[in-house]
C-alpha atoms as a PDB file:
ATOM      1  CA  MET A   1      12.961  10.058  15.763  1.00  0.00           C
ATOM      2  CA  ILE A   2      15.803   9.057  13.555  1.00  0.00           C
ATOM      3  CA  TYR A   3      16.173   7.469  10.252  1.00  0.00           C
ATOM      4  CA  ASP A   4      18.963   4.811   9.093  1.00  0.00           C
ATOM      5  CA  CYS A   5      19.168   4.997   4.783  1.00  0.00           C
ATOM      6  CA  PHE A   6      19.464   1.007   4.447  1.00  0.00           C
ATOM      7  CA  ALA A   7      19.359   0.924   0.528  1.00  0.00           C
ATOM      8  CA  VAL A   8      19.948   3.039  -2.518  1.00  0.00           C
ATOM      9  CA  SER A   9      18.814   2.417  -6.152  1.00  0.00           C
ATOM     10  CA  ASN A  10      20.414   4.003  -8.651  1.00  0.00           C
ATOM     11  CA  HIS A  11      20.352   5.008 -12.562  1.00  0.00           C
ATOM     12  CA  PHE A  12      22.289   6.245 -15.133  1.00  0.00           C
ATOM     13  CA  GLY A  13      21.690   7.162 -18.262  1.00  0.00           C
ATOM     14  CA  SER A  14      18.491   8.845 -20.204  1.00  0.00           C
ATOM     15  CA  VAL A  15      14.255   8.106 -19.721  1.00  0.00           C
ATOM     16  CA  GLY A  16      13.834   5.738 -22.460  1.00  0.00           C
ATOM     17  CA  PHE A  17      17.941   4.119 -21.609  1.00  0.00           C
ATOM     18  CA  GLY A  18      20.393   3.270 -18.915  1.00  0.00           C
ATOM     19  CA  HIS A  19      22.014   1.178 -16.393  1.00  0.00           C
ATOM     20  CA  TYR A  20      20.616   0.122 -12.735  1.00  0.00           C
ATOM     21  CA  THR A  21      22.711  -0.473  -9.509  1.00  0.00           C
ATOM     22  CA  ALA A  22      21.820  -0.407  -6.213  1.00  0.00           C
ATOM     23  CA  TYR A  23      23.013  -0.438  -2.901  1.00  0.00           C
ATOM     24  CA  GLY A  24      22.480  -2.139  -0.081  1.00  0.00           C
ATOM     25  CA  LYS A  25      22.996  -2.583   3.924  1.00  0.00           C
ATOM     26  CA  ASN A  26      23.048  -6.259   5.191  1.00  0.00           C
ATOM     27  CA  PRO A  27      20.615  -6.303   8.664  1.00  0.00           C
ATOM     28  CA  THR A  28      22.377  -9.024  10.446  1.00  0.00           C
ATOM     29  CA  ASP A  29      26.402  -7.770   9.434  1.00  0.00           C
ATOM     30  CA  GLY A  30      26.093  -3.861   8.815  1.00  0.00           C
ATOM     31  CA  VAL A  31      28.198  -4.268   5.660  1.00  0.00           C
ATOM     32  CA  TRP A  32      26.992  -2.585   2.671  1.00  0.00           C
ATOM     33  CA  TYR A  33      27.042  -4.357  -1.253  1.00  0.00           C
ATOM     34  CA  GLU A  34      26.696  -3.123  -4.223  1.00  0.00           C
ATOM     35  CA  PHE A  35      24.138  -4.610  -7.045  1.00  0.00           C
ATOM     36  CA  ASP A  36      25.509  -4.729 -10.314  1.00  0.00           C
ATOM     37  CA  ASP A  37      23.071  -6.823 -13.389  1.00  0.00           C
ATOM     38  CA  SER A  38      24.521 -10.282 -11.923  1.00  0.00           C
ATOM     39  CA  SER A  39      27.368  -9.504  -9.452  1.00  0.00           C
ATOM     40  CA  VAL A  40      27.357  -8.511  -5.886  1.00  0.00           C
ATOM     41  CA  THR A  41      30.101  -6.736  -4.546  1.00  0.00           C
ATOM     42  CA  ARG A  42      31.344  -6.069  -0.480  1.00  0.00           C
ATOM     43  CA  VAL A  43      31.510  -2.113  -0.537  1.00  0.00           C
ATOM     44  CA  ASP A  44      34.478  -1.223   1.874  1.00  0.00           C
ATOM     45  CA  LYS A  45      34.251   1.735   3.599  1.00  0.00           C
ATOM     46  CA  SER A  46      36.419   4.472   1.680  1.00  0.00           C
ATOM     47  CA  TYR A  47      34.056   3.670  -0.979  1.00  0.00           C
ATOM     48  CA  ARG A  48      31.038   4.351   0.820  1.00  0.00           C
ATOM     49  CA  ARG A  49      31.148   8.150   1.916  1.00  0.00           C
ATOM     50  CA  ASN A  50      31.252   9.649  -1.485  1.00  0.00           C
ATOM     51  CA  ASN A  51      29.522   6.908  -3.971  1.00  0.00           C
ATOM     52  CA  ILE A  52      26.590   5.143  -2.274  1.00  0.00           C
ATOM     53  CA  VAL A  53      24.228   8.053  -2.834  1.00  0.00           C
ATOM     54  CA  SER A  54      25.559   9.916  -5.638  1.00  0.00           C
ATOM     55  CA  SER A  55      23.959  12.013  -8.383  1.00  0.00           C
ATOM     56  CA  GLY A  56      22.483   8.978  -9.775  1.00  0.00           C
ATOM     57  CA  ALA A  57      20.241   8.066  -6.548  1.00  0.00           C
ATOM     58  CA  TYR A  58      16.514   8.261  -7.158  1.00  0.00           C
ATOM     59  CA  ASN A  59      15.013   6.287  -4.585  1.00  0.00           C
ATOM     60  CA  LEU A  60      16.587   6.325  -0.862  1.00  0.00           C
ATOM     61  CA  PHE A  61      15.422   3.921   1.687  1.00  0.00           C
ATOM     62  CA  TYR A  62      14.921   4.487   5.201  1.00  0.00           C
ATOM     63  CA  ARG A  63      13.879   2.748   8.243  1.00  0.00           C
ATOM     64  CA  ARG A  64      12.941   4.310  11.869  1.00  0.00           C
ATOM     65  CA  ARG A  65      15.351   3.620  14.675  1.00  0.00           C
ATOM     66  CA  ASP A  66      13.944   2.574  17.989  1.00  0.00           C
ATOM     67  CA  ASN A  67      14.794  -0.394  20.786  1.00  0.00           C
ATOM     68  CA  THR A  68      14.019  -2.674  18.655  1.00  0.00           C
ATOM     69  CA  SER A  69      17.076  -4.717  17.668  1.00  0.00           C
ATOM     70  CA  MET A  70      17.895  -6.119  15.041  1.00  0.00           C
ATOM     71  CA  GLU A  71      17.917  -9.846  16.900  1.00  0.00           C
ATOM     72  CA  ASN A  72      14.711  -9.834  17.723  1.00  0.00           C
ATOM     73  CA  ILE A  73      13.052  -9.635  13.885  1.00  0.00           C
ATOM     74  CA  ASP A  74      11.865 -12.696  12.737  1.00  0.00           C
ATOM     75  CA  PHE A  75      13.281 -11.914   8.967  1.00  0.00           C
ATOM     76  CA  ASN A  76      11.001 -14.464   7.655  1.00  0.00           C
ATOM     77  CA  ALA A  77       7.553 -12.925   8.268  1.00  0.00           C
ATOM     78  CA  LEU A  78       9.130 -10.134   5.938  1.00  0.00           C
ATOM     79  CA  LYS A  79       9.099 -12.204   2.874  1.00  0.00           C
END
């Protein structure tokens, strides 16, 4: 089986205080985005390799790859 990472949540700081960010891959266009407080920005390829999974990553989200294409997924049913 093969799994693809599609999201990462990060925490920077101490246990009692810190800052959270997240990265997520859009399933329809394959683009990674950074979520930081009230901003969402597209992540370019040069930034991805060394920064999405960093020392601040504490949750990594994976989806098993199979024969189902993203076009066949009913995203409204996932709500």
